[in-house]
Amino acid sequence: MPRTATLGALAAVVGFLAFVEFTSGVLQGYYTPMLSDIARHLQIHDADVNWFEGTQLMLSALVVPAFAKLGDMIGHKRMLLISTALTAAAALALPFTDSFWVFLVAWTLMGFYVVWLPLEIALIWSRSRRLEGRSVITAKAAGLLVAALETGAILGALAGGALIDVLPLTIVLLIPALLVVVCFFVILFGVKESPEQTGGVLDTVGLVLISLALICFTGGLSLLRLDGGLVNPWSWAVVVLGLLLIVPFVLWELRHGDPLIDVRMFRSPALGPVFLTAGLFGVSVLGAQAPLSTFARTDPDVYGYGLGTTGFATSLIIGIYLVGMITGALLFPVIARLATPRVTLIGASAFVAVGFLLFLPFHDSYLQVITNMVIVGLGSGALVAALPAAAASAAPETQTGVATGLTNSVKTVGGAIASCVFGIALLHGVASTAGGAEGTAGSLEGYFTVWIVCGVTALAASVLLLFVPKQAFTDRTVNEAEQQPAVM
């Protein structure tokens, strides 16, 4: 296909979706530099900030399967509009409360934005169905969307870090909420609906079963983080119950004619490792955000470690990290074309592993932290763009939205597990001030745990991807998938 034709088709497919991802990026970057300020405002411990991530990730894991399936059934744009309206309502509630529990509920409901990217990738895949080089077009579009996302995250982090130093928290929290409202109207008037919907009836039994499983599992993880939760047998019993509830869900889905999730996709030699990689990647890309911010804000003169940065200086670290993610996202289709998507995924996971493991010896200076995060960012950006695009190219045609949604669902489950583990690690052995009094910062040993877990899980993802077929996620694989009614 000529280059001009490819770029023209790409521009037509992406459309206004870039602004949607820009808004998503703002939401993901804006709040991070002010997490310590929010903790002080709500009068909670730094380790309790992980509750925000944990509960939001739990909701994300619940809503993505349903919204992804409904996108395939009744239209991806329609589900984008619904999720954006719910996100806007929750974001508008944040500025007007100082209650931890009310804030936590609103923050959790704001997590509906996580369905945007998988719905967009599915929409792009649907609209490019009759175009030559469909996998390449989708990969390029995914890279551009992730670049828009991370640009929004950079600007959001810089704006959030700067504004929190000069404006009241209420005003600062109102700004991203208004942006989400604008995003709703951009989708309403600027985004075209996917040309074909599968129709059918939503598998409500499957939805209830998987929801109960995820609620029990992630709820049990939250109980483990409570004081004494690790030695409370009821906390572990809830976690185990969540795992056991997966069994009736799988059995039901295997018998259902139009399942919520075609669980056979997990047996695919191409899709199975992608889903597992997404889960391992979620540990670092989702679970490590709050610890990075609180580590940077910790005063070394008081606790003996940390960088003692201001809100704006913290946002600069995040901004540089996100520049690395943009670079990785834009390089992904280029490197994938020169090598293969599989090799690119392996290399991206290795970058994430190296970056986090470098924190173990190098974490004492601003430059060291930035260097580590640039390396992590290059790999993370490529993975954010590659995983949903890879899932779309390897999935059956009627399961595109579900497959891209599953990369996000599994990623959020990985992030929820990590958020629990990291919260416990940071709360254990809470740091004391120089005067000997108990402080509010986490322990240095806890941060070492965060870096080790993130590095090892990313390394495991690299090894896992070695078992993916060499020609996976290419147009040849796409043609084969489209000729098969289901993934066996």
Protein backbone atom coordinates (compact mmCIF):
# COMPACT_ATOMS: atom_id res chain seq x y z
CA MET A 1 0.00 0.00 0.00
CA PRO A 2 1.42 3.45 -0.86
CA ARG A 3 2.56 5.51 2.11
CA THR A 4 0.09 8.35 1.40
CA ALA A 5 -2.82 5.93 1.22
CA THR A 6 -1.79 4.30 4.50
CA LEU A 7 -1.49 7.64 6.29
CA GLY A 8 -4.81 8.81 4.85
CA ALA A 9 -6.56 5.67 6.02
CA LEU A 10 -4.92 6.00 9.43
CA ALA A 11 -6.09 9.60 9.83
CA ALA A 12 -9.64 8.65 8.85
CA VAL A 13 -9.73 5.79 11.36
CA VAL A 14 -8.27 7.70 14.31
CA GLY A 15 -10.34 10.89 13.97
CA PHE A 16 -11.30 12.53 17.23
CA LEU A 17 -10.25 9.53 19.31
CA ALA A 18 -6.89 11.19 19.94
CA PHE A 19 -8.60 13.87 22.03
CA VAL A 20 -10.35 11.16 24.05
CA GLU A 21 -7.00 9.57 24.85
CA PHE A 22 -5.51 13.01 25.58
CA THR A 23 -8.22 13.44 28.22
CA SER A 24 -7.53 9.95 29.56
CA GLY A 25 -3.87 10.90 29.85
CA VAL A 26 -4.70 14.05 31.79
CA LEU A 27 -6.69 11.98 34.28
CA GLN A 28 -3.80 9.53 34.67
CA GLY A 29 -1.10 12.16 35.11
CA TYR A 30 -2.82 15.10 36.76
CA TYR A 31 -3.45 13.65 40.21
CA THR A 32 -0.14 11.83 40.75
CA PRO A 33 1.99 14.83 41.88
CA MET A 34 -0.63 15.79 44.48
CA LEU A 35 -1.27 12.38 46.07
CA SER A 36 0.61 13.40 49.21
CA ASP A 37 -1.41 16.64 49.35
CA ILE A 38 -4.64 14.68 48.97
CA ALA A 39 -3.49 12.35 51.76
CA ARG A 40 -2.86 15.33 54.07
CA HIS A 41 -6.22 16.86 53.09
CA LEU A 42 -8.06 13.63 53.93
CA GLN A 43 -5.84 13.04 56.99
CA ILE A 44 -4.70 9.58 55.92
CA HIS A 45 -1.36 7.76 55.83
CA ASP A 46 0.75 7.75 52.65
CA ALA A 47 0.31 3.98 52.39
CA ASP A 48 -3.48 4.46 52.33
CA VAL A 49 -3.12 6.28 49.01
CA ASN A 50 -2.90 2.80 47.50
CA TRP A 51 -6.59 2.37 48.39
CA PHE A 52 -7.37 4.81 45.58
CA GLU A 53 -5.54 2.68 43.05
CA GLY A 54 -6.81 -0.60 44.47
CA THR A 55 -10.53 0.25 44.46
CA GLN A 56 -10.36 1.97 41.06
CA LEU A 57 -8.60 -1.01 39.59
CA MET A 58 -11.24 -3.32 41.09
CA LEU A 59 -14.00 -1.36 39.37
CA SER A 60 -11.99 -1.36 36.15
CA ALA A 61 -11.69 -5.13 36.24
CA LEU A 62 -15.48 -5.35 36.67
CA VAL A 63 -16.64 -2.93 33.98
CA VAL A 64 -14.21 -3.67 31.14
CA PRO A 65 -15.56 -7.15 30.28
CA ALA A 66 -19.16 -5.89 30.17
CA PHE A 67 -18.41 -2.66 28.29
CA ALA A 68 -16.12 -4.43 25.81
CA LYS A 69 -18.75 -7.05 25.03
CA LEU A 70 -21.50 -4.42 24.79
CA GLY A 71 -19.25 -2.46 22.42
CA ASP A 72 -19.11 -5.44 20.08
CA MET A 73 -22.86 -5.94 20.43
CA ILE A 74 -24.40 -2.45 20.21
CA GLY A 75 -21.57 -0.13 19.17
CA HIS A 76 -18.22 1.00 20.54
CA LYS A 77 -19.06 4.72 20.31
CA ARG A 78 -22.20 4.23 22.38
CA MET A 79 -20.25 2.57 25.17
CA LEU A 80 -17.59 5.30 24.97
CA LEU A 81 -20.30 7.90 25.60
CA ILE A 82 -21.77 6.03 28.57
CA SER A 83 -18.38 5.47 30.22
CA THR A 84 -17.41 9.12 29.68
CA ALA A 85 -20.62 10.37 31.29
CA LEU A 86 -20.01 8.18 34.35
CA THR A 87 -16.39 9.33 34.58
CA ALA A 88 -17.42 12.99 34.39
CA ALA A 89 -20.00 12.61 37.17
CA ALA A 90 -17.45 10.97 39.48
CA ALA A 91 -14.70 13.51 38.71
CA LEU A 92 -17.07 16.38 39.49
CA ALA A 93 -17.66 14.96 42.98
CA LEU A 94 -13.98 14.92 44.03
CA PRO A 95 -13.51 18.67 44.62
CA PHE A 96 -16.48 18.96 46.97
CA THR A 97 -15.66 16.49 49.75
CA ASP A 98 -13.09 16.13 52.52
CA SER A 99 -14.42 12.74 53.63
CA PHE A 100 -12.04 9.88 52.87
CA TRP A 101 -14.86 7.42 52.14
CA VAL A 102 -16.83 9.76 49.88
CA PHE A 103 -13.61 10.69 48.07
CA LEU A 104 -12.73 7.00 47.73
CA VAL A 105 -16.13 6.14 46.19
CA ALA A 106 -15.91 9.02 43.69
CA TRP A 107 -12.31 8.16 42.83
CA THR A 108 -13.32 4.54 42.29
CA LEU A 109 -16.19 5.44 39.95
CA MET A 110 -13.87 7.66 37.95
CA GLY A 111 -12.19 4.42 36.85
CA PHE A 112 -14.71 3.99 34.03
CA TYR A 113 -12.20 5.80 31.80
CA VAL A 114 -10.13 2.60 31.57
CA VAL A 115 -12.53 1.20 28.97
CA TRP A 116 -11.76 4.00 26.51
CA LEU A 117 -8.57 2.64 24.91
CA PRO A 118 -9.76 -0.96 24.32
CA LEU A 119 -13.04 0.36 22.88
CA GLU A 120 -11.10 2.74 20.61
CA ILE A 121 -8.75 0.01 19.36
CA ALA A 122 -11.76 -2.21 18.65
CA LEU A 123 -13.44 0.69 16.82
CA ILE A 124 -10.31 1.29 14.72
CA TRP A 125 -10.02 -2.42 13.93
CA SER A 126 -13.67 -2.52 12.88
CA ARG A 127 -13.43 0.54 10.64
CA SER A 128 -10.22 -0.67 8.96
CA ARG A 129 -11.69 -4.07 8.06
CA ARG A 130 -11.54 -3.56 4.30
CA LEU A 131 -8.20 -1.75 4.23
CA GLU A 132 -4.99 -3.39 3.09
CA GLY A 133 -2.35 -3.73 5.80
CA ARG A 134 -4.95 -3.77 8.56
CA SER A 135 -2.53 -4.84 11.32
CA VAL A 136 -0.05 -2.11 10.38
CA ILE A 137 -2.79 0.53 10.34
CA THR A 138 -4.07 -0.59 13.74
CA ALA A 139 -0.55 -0.63 15.18
CA LYS A 140 0.14 2.90 13.92
CA ALA A 141 -3.21 4.13 15.20
CA ALA A 142 -2.55 2.53 18.58
CA GLY A 143 0.83 4.25 18.72
CA LEU A 144 -0.72 7.63 17.94
CA LEU A 145 -3.48 7.15 20.51
CA VAL A 146 -0.97 6.20 23.19
CA ALA A 147 1.17 9.19 22.20
CA ALA A 148 -1.90 11.40 22.68
CA LEU A 149 -2.59 9.68 25.99
CA GLU A 150 0.92 10.24 27.30
CA THR A 151 1.01 13.83 25.99
CA GLY A 152 -2.11 14.44 28.05
CA ALA A 153 -0.49 12.70 31.00
CA ILE A 154 2.61 14.89 30.70
CA LEU A 155 0.65 18.11 30.47
CA GLY A 156 -1.66 16.89 33.21
CA ALA A 157 1.23 16.00 35.52
CA LEU A 158 3.01 19.30 34.87
CA ALA A 159 -0.20 21.29 35.34
CA GLY A 160 -1.21 19.34 38.44
CA GLY A 161 2.23 19.68 40.01
CA ALA A 162 2.37 23.41 39.30
CA LEU A 163 -1.20 24.22 40.34
CA ILE A 164 -1.12 22.29 43.61
CA ASP A 165 1.71 24.57 44.80
CA VAL A 166 -0.29 27.78 44.22
CA LEU A 167 -4.05 27.02 44.25
CA PRO A 168 -6.50 25.49 46.74
CA LEU A 169 -7.04 21.77 46.30
CA THR A 170 -10.75 22.22 45.49
CA ILE A 171 -10.01 24.36 42.43
CA VAL A 172 -7.18 22.08 41.33
CA LEU A 173 -9.46 19.01 41.43
CA LEU A 174 -12.21 20.75 39.44
CA ILE A 175 -10.10 21.34 36.31
CA PRO A 176 -9.82 17.73 35.01
CA ALA A 177 -13.51 17.14 35.72
CA LEU A 178 -14.46 19.95 33.33
CA LEU A 179 -12.15 18.48 30.68
CA VAL A 180 -14.00 15.14 30.86
CA VAL A 181 -17.27 17.00 30.25
CA VAL A 182 -15.76 18.51 27.09
CA CYS A 183 -14.57 15.04 26.07
CA PHE A 184 -18.15 13.75 26.21
CA PHE A 185 -19.27 16.24 23.57
CA VAL A 186 -16.20 15.55 21.41
CA ILE A 187 -17.21 11.87 21.28
CA LEU A 188 -20.87 12.73 20.72
CA PHE A 189 -20.29 14.98 17.72
CA GLY A 190 -16.88 13.91 16.37
CA VAL A 191 -16.56 10.13 16.60
CA LYS A 192 -18.28 7.81 14.11
CA GLU A 193 -19.82 4.55 15.26
CA SER A 194 -18.27 1.22 14.29
CA PRO A 195 -19.85 0.04 11.01
CA GLU A 196 -20.88 -3.41 12.19
CA GLN A 197 -22.26 -4.70 15.49
CA THR A 198 -22.71 -8.35 16.37
CA GLY A 199 -26.01 -7.83 18.22
CA GLY A 200 -27.31 -10.52 20.54
CA VAL A 201 -28.13 -10.58 24.24
CA LEU A 202 -25.62 -9.86 26.99
CA ASP A 203 -24.54 -12.94 28.93
CA THR A 204 -25.81 -11.68 32.31
CA VAL A 205 -25.13 -14.95 34.13
CA GLY A 206 -21.51 -14.86 33.00
CA LEU A 207 -21.28 -11.18 33.98
CA VAL A 208 -22.62 -11.91 37.48
CA LEU A 209 -20.26 -14.85 37.96
CA ILE A 210 -17.12 -12.99 36.86
CA SER A 211 -18.18 -9.91 38.87
CA LEU A 212 -18.59 -11.96 42.04
CA ALA A 213 -15.21 -13.59 41.44
CA LEU A 214 -13.45 -10.28 40.92
CA ILE A 215 -15.21 -8.58 43.85
CA CYS A 216 -14.23 -11.40 46.20
CA PHE A 217 -10.67 -11.58 44.92
CA THR A 218 -9.89 -7.86 44.90
CA GLY A 219 -11.97 -7.29 48.05
CA GLY A 220 -9.97 -9.98 49.80
CA LEU A 221 -6.76 -8.26 48.73
CA SER A 222 -8.07 -5.05 50.29
CA LEU A 223 -8.88 -6.88 53.53
CA LEU A 224 -5.31 -8.19 53.64
CA ARG A 225 -4.11 -4.59 53.78
CA LEU A 226 -6.08 -3.79 56.93
CA ASP A 227 -4.37 -3.88 60.30
CA GLY A 228 -3.95 -7.57 61.10
CA GLY A 229 -5.32 -8.60 57.74
CA LEU A 230 -2.35 -10.79 56.86
CA VAL A 231 -2.97 -13.04 59.89
CA ASN A 232 -6.76 -12.97 59.59
CA PRO A 233 -7.95 -16.27 58.01
CA TRP A 234 -11.16 -14.61 56.78
CA SER A 235 -9.17 -12.25 54.56
CA TRP A 236 -7.40 -15.16 52.90
CA ALA A 237 -10.71 -17.08 52.67
CA VAL A 238 -12.27 -14.25 50.63
CA VAL A 239 -9.28 -14.23 48.26
CA VAL A 240 -9.50 -18.00 47.78
CA LEU A 241 -13.27 -17.78 47.25
CA GLY A 242 -12.68 -15.28 44.46
CA LEU A 243 -10.30 -17.69 42.77
CA LEU A 244 -12.69 -20.62 43.17
CA LEU A 245 -15.56 -18.66 41.63
CA ILE A 246 -13.59 -18.55 38.37
CA VAL A 247 -14.37 -22.27 37.91
CA PRO A 248 -18.18 -21.98 37.51
CA PHE A 249 -17.66 -18.92 35.31
CA VAL A 250 -15.39 -20.85 32.94
CA LEU A 251 -17.75 -23.83 32.85
CA TRP A 252 -20.71 -21.56 32.06
CA GLU A 253 -18.84 -19.67 29.32
CA LEU A 254 -17.77 -22.91 27.64
CA ARG A 255 -21.42 -23.99 27.35
CA HIS A 256 -22.85 -20.60 26.34
CA GLY A 257 -23.55 -19.94 22.65
CA ASP A 258 -22.59 -16.24 22.87
CA PRO A 259 -20.37 -15.96 25.96
CA LEU A 260 -19.38 -12.74 27.69
CA ILE A 261 -15.77 -13.86 27.31
CA ASP A 262 -14.74 -16.65 24.97
CA VAL A 263 -12.42 -18.34 27.48
CA ARG A 264 -11.01 -20.48 24.65
CA MET A 265 -8.99 -17.40 23.69
CA PHE A 266 -6.76 -18.04 26.69
CA ARG A 267 -5.74 -21.33 25.04
CA SER A 268 -4.59 -19.55 21.88
CA PRO A 269 -0.78 -19.76 21.49
CA ALA A 270 -0.81 -16.09 20.46
CA LEU A 271 -3.47 -14.59 22.74
CA GLY A 272 -2.73 -16.55 25.94
CA PRO A 273 0.77 -15.14 26.49
CA VAL A 274 -0.47 -11.64 25.57
CA PHE A 275 -3.10 -11.76 28.33
CA LEU A 276 -0.57 -13.03 30.86
CA THR A 277 1.92 -10.37 29.78
CA ALA A 278 -0.76 -7.73 30.30
CA GLY A 279 -1.26 -8.95 33.86
CA LEU A 280 2.44 -8.88 34.63
CA PHE A 281 2.75 -5.46 33.01
CA GLY A 282 -0.12 -4.14 35.14
CA VAL A 283 2.01 -4.71 38.24
CA SER A 284 4.39 -1.93 37.26
CA VAL A 285 2.39 0.41 35.03
CA LEU A 286 -0.54 0.61 37.46
CA GLY A 287 0.67 -0.55 40.85
CA ALA A 288 3.88 1.49 41.02
CA GLN A 289 2.48 4.96 40.25
CA ALA A 290 1.61 5.99 43.80
CA PRO A 291 4.85 4.62 45.35
CA LEU A 292 6.91 6.57 42.79
CA SER A 293 5.17 9.81 43.73
CA THR A 294 5.37 9.30 47.50
CA PHE A 295 9.04 8.22 47.31
CA ALA A 296 9.95 11.39 45.43
CA ARG A 297 8.03 13.58 47.91
CA THR A 298 9.58 11.94 51.01
CA ASP A 299 12.01 14.31 52.79
CA PRO A 300 15.47 12.69 53.15
CA ASP A 301 16.39 15.05 55.99
CA VAL A 302 13.48 13.69 58.03
CA TYR A 303 13.36 10.01 57.03
CA GLY A 304 16.85 9.33 55.68
CA TYR A 305 15.74 8.53 52.12
CA GLY A 306 13.69 10.00 49.31
CA LEU A 307 14.19 13.08 47.14
CA GLY A 308 12.17 15.66 49.07
CA THR A 309 10.75 17.16 45.87
CA THR A 310 7.98 19.72 45.58
CA GLY A 311 4.78 18.98 43.66
CA PHE A 312 6.16 20.55 40.47
CA ALA A 313 9.55 18.79 40.73
CA THR A 314 7.70 15.50 41.16
CA SER A 315 5.62 16.25 38.09
CA LEU A 316 8.83 16.79 36.09
CA ILE A 317 9.94 13.25 36.91
CA ILE A 318 6.58 11.93 35.80
CA GLY A 319 6.64 14.15 32.70
CA ILE A 320 10.05 12.87 31.58
CA TYR A 321 8.90 9.30 32.21
CA LEU A 322 5.88 9.93 30.01
CA VAL A 323 8.05 11.39 27.25
CA GLY A 324 9.80 8.02 27.30
CA MET A 325 6.39 6.34 26.98
CA ILE A 326 5.46 8.50 23.98
CA THR A 327 8.75 7.61 22.32
CA GLY A 328 8.21 3.92 22.99
CA ALA A 329 4.65 4.02 21.65
CA LEU A 330 5.68 5.76 18.42
CA LEU A 331 8.69 3.47 17.91
CA PHE A 332 6.62 0.31 18.41
CA PRO A 333 5.14 0.09 14.86
CA VAL A 334 8.50 1.07 13.33
CA ILE A 335 10.49 -1.58 15.19
CA ALA A 336 7.70 -4.15 14.76
CA ARG A 337 7.88 -3.65 10.99
CA LEU A 338 11.70 -4.01 10.96
CA ALA A 339 11.65 -7.04 13.26
CA THR A 340 8.33 -8.59 14.32
CA PRO A 341 5.66 -7.53 16.84
CA ARG A 342 6.65 -10.49 19.01
CA VAL A 343 10.32 -9.44 19.22
CA THR A 344 9.28 -5.86 19.92
CA LEU A 345 7.09 -6.98 22.83
CA ILE A 346 9.96 -9.03 24.28
CA GLY A 347 12.33 -6.06 24.06
CA ALA A 348 9.79 -3.67 25.59
CA SER A 349 9.26 -5.96 28.59
CA ALA A 350 13.02 -6.23 29.04
CA PHE A 351 13.32 -2.43 29.13
CA VAL A 352 10.74 -2.25 31.93
CA ALA A 353 12.60 -4.93 33.89
CA VAL A 354 16.00 -3.23 33.57
CA GLY A 355 14.61 0.18 34.49
CA PHE A 356 13.03 -0.97 37.75
CA LEU A 357 15.93 -3.20 38.79
CA LEU A 358 18.27 -0.21 38.37
CA PHE A 359 16.42 1.41 41.27
CA LEU A 360 18.03 -1.05 43.66
CA PRO A 361 21.53 0.50 43.44
CA PHE A 362 20.54 3.89 41.99
CA HIS A 363 17.80 5.81 43.82
CA ASP A 364 19.57 8.50 45.85
CA SER A 365 19.52 11.40 43.38
CA TYR A 366 17.08 13.15 41.10
CA LEU A 367 19.14 12.24 38.01
CA GLN A 368 19.28 8.56 38.94
CA VAL A 369 15.51 8.33 39.37
CA ILE A 370 14.89 10.14 36.06
CA THR A 371 17.32 7.85 34.19
CA ASN A 372 15.60 4.75 35.55
CA MET A 373 12.16 6.06 34.66
CA VAL A 374 13.14 6.93 31.08
CA ILE A 375 14.19 3.31 30.54
CA VAL A 376 10.95 2.08 32.11
CA GLY A 377 8.98 4.57 30.02
CA LEU A 378 10.39 3.39 26.69
CA GLY A 379 9.31 -0.17 27.38
CA SER A 380 5.98 0.78 28.97
CA GLY A 381 4.94 3.00 26.07
CA ALA A 382 5.56 0.23 23.56
CA LEU A 383 3.58 -2.25 25.68
CA VAL A 384 0.60 0.07 26.19
CA ALA A 385 0.31 0.46 22.41
CA ALA A 386 1.24 -3.10 21.48
CA LEU A 387 -0.90 -5.25 23.78
CA PRO A 388 -4.42 -4.20 22.65
CA ALA A 389 -3.31 -4.01 19.01
CA ALA A 390 -1.80 -7.49 19.26
CA ALA A 391 -4.96 -8.84 20.87
CA ALA A 392 -7.15 -7.31 18.15
CA SER A 393 -5.06 -8.84 15.37
CA ALA A 394 -5.06 -12.32 16.90
CA ALA A 395 -8.70 -12.47 18.05
CA PRO A 396 -11.77 -13.85 16.23
CA GLU A 397 -13.63 -11.12 14.37
CA THR A 398 -16.67 -11.23 16.68
CA GLN A 399 -14.48 -10.98 19.80
CA THR A 400 -12.31 -7.96 18.94
CA GLY A 401 -13.68 -5.70 21.66
CA VAL A 402 -13.61 -8.51 24.19
CA ALA A 403 -9.99 -9.39 23.36
CA THR A 404 -8.73 -5.80 23.59
CA GLY A 405 -10.78 -5.37 26.75
CA LEU A 406 -9.26 -8.49 28.26
CA THR A 407 -5.76 -7.04 27.95
CA ASN A 408 -7.00 -4.16 30.08
CA SER A 409 -8.95 -6.36 32.51
CA VAL A 410 -6.03 -8.67 33.15
CA LYS A 411 -3.73 -5.66 33.41
CA THR A 412 -5.98 -4.08 36.04
CA VAL A 413 -6.10 -7.32 38.03
CA GLY A 414 -2.31 -7.36 38.01
CA GLY A 415 -2.31 -3.75 39.13
CA ALA A 416 -4.83 -4.47 41.89
CA ILE A 417 -2.69 -7.31 43.24
CA ALA A 418 0.39 -5.11 43.10
CA SER A 419 -1.42 -2.23 44.80
CA CYS A 420 -2.31 -4.51 47.69
CA VAL A 421 1.20 -5.97 47.97
CA PHE A 422 2.85 -2.56 47.71
CA GLY A 423 0.49 -1.01 50.25
CA ILE A 424 1.33 -3.75 52.76
CA ALA A 425 5.06 -3.46 51.98
CA LEU A 426 5.08 0.32 52.48
CA LEU A 427 3.00 0.15 55.66
CA HIS A 428 5.23 -2.53 57.20
CA GLY A 429 8.02 -0.93 59.21
CA VAL A 430 6.69 2.62 58.77
CA ALA A 431 9.58 5.06 58.69
CA SER A 432 10.33 7.15 61.75
CA THR A 433 11.36 10.79 61.76
CA ALA A 434 14.86 11.90 62.64
CA GLY A 435 13.62 12.67 66.14
CA GLY A 436 12.42 9.09 66.63
CA ALA A 437 8.68 9.76 66.30
CA GLU A 438 6.56 7.67 63.98
CA GLY A 439 6.08 9.40 60.64
CA THR A 440 3.63 9.09 57.78
CA ALA A 441 6.08 7.94 55.09
CA GLY A 442 6.52 4.34 54.01
CA SER A 443 9.64 2.32 54.76
CA LEU A 444 12.67 2.16 52.46
CA GLU A 445 12.46 -1.64 52.57
CA GLY A 446 8.92 -1.31 51.23
CA TYR A 447 10.15 0.68 48.24
CA PHE A 448 12.81 -1.96 47.57
CA THR A 449 10.00 -4.52 47.48
CA VAL A 450 8.13 -2.40 44.92
CA TRP A 451 11.14 -2.14 42.61
CA ILE A 452 12.04 -5.83 42.85
CA VAL A 453 8.49 -7.02 42.15
CA CYS A 454 8.12 -4.67 39.18
CA GLY A 455 11.45 -5.74 37.71
CA VAL A 456 10.94 -9.47 38.16
CA THR A 457 7.39 -9.49 36.73
CA ALA A 458 8.53 -7.56 33.65
CA LEU A 459 11.40 -10.03 33.20
CA ALA A 460 8.93 -12.91 33.46
CA ALA A 461 6.82 -11.30 30.72
CA SER A 462 9.86 -11.24 28.40
CA VAL A 463 10.45 -14.94 28.97
CA LEU A 464 6.75 -15.73 28.49
CA LEU A 465 6.64 -13.99 25.11
CA LEU A 466 9.42 -16.25 23.83
CA PHE A 467 6.77 -18.97 23.51
CA VAL A 468 4.51 -16.91 21.21
CA PRO A 469 4.56 -18.03 17.53
CA LYS A 470 7.12 -16.04 15.54
CA GLN A 471 4.60 -14.66 13.04
CA ALA A 472 1.97 -13.74 15.66
CA PHE A 473 0.15 -10.38 15.35
CA THR A 474 0.95 -10.00 11.64
CA ASP A 475 -1.52 -9.80 8.75
CA ARG A 476 -0.88 -13.47 8.04
CA THR A 477 -2.14 -14.32 11.51
CA VAL A 478 -5.09 -12.00 11.01
CA ASN A 479 -6.16 -13.77 7.83
CA GLU A 480 -5.94 -17.14 9.54
CA ALA A 481 -7.99 -15.89 12.52
CA GLU A 482 -10.70 -14.49 10.30
CA GLN A 483 -11.09 -17.84 8.55
CA GLN A 484 -11.77 -19.58 11.87
CA PRO A 485 -15.10 -19.22 13.73
CA ALA A 486 -13.43 -19.45 17.13
CA VAL A 487 -10.03 -19.70 18.76
CA MET A 488 -9.36 -23.27 19.76
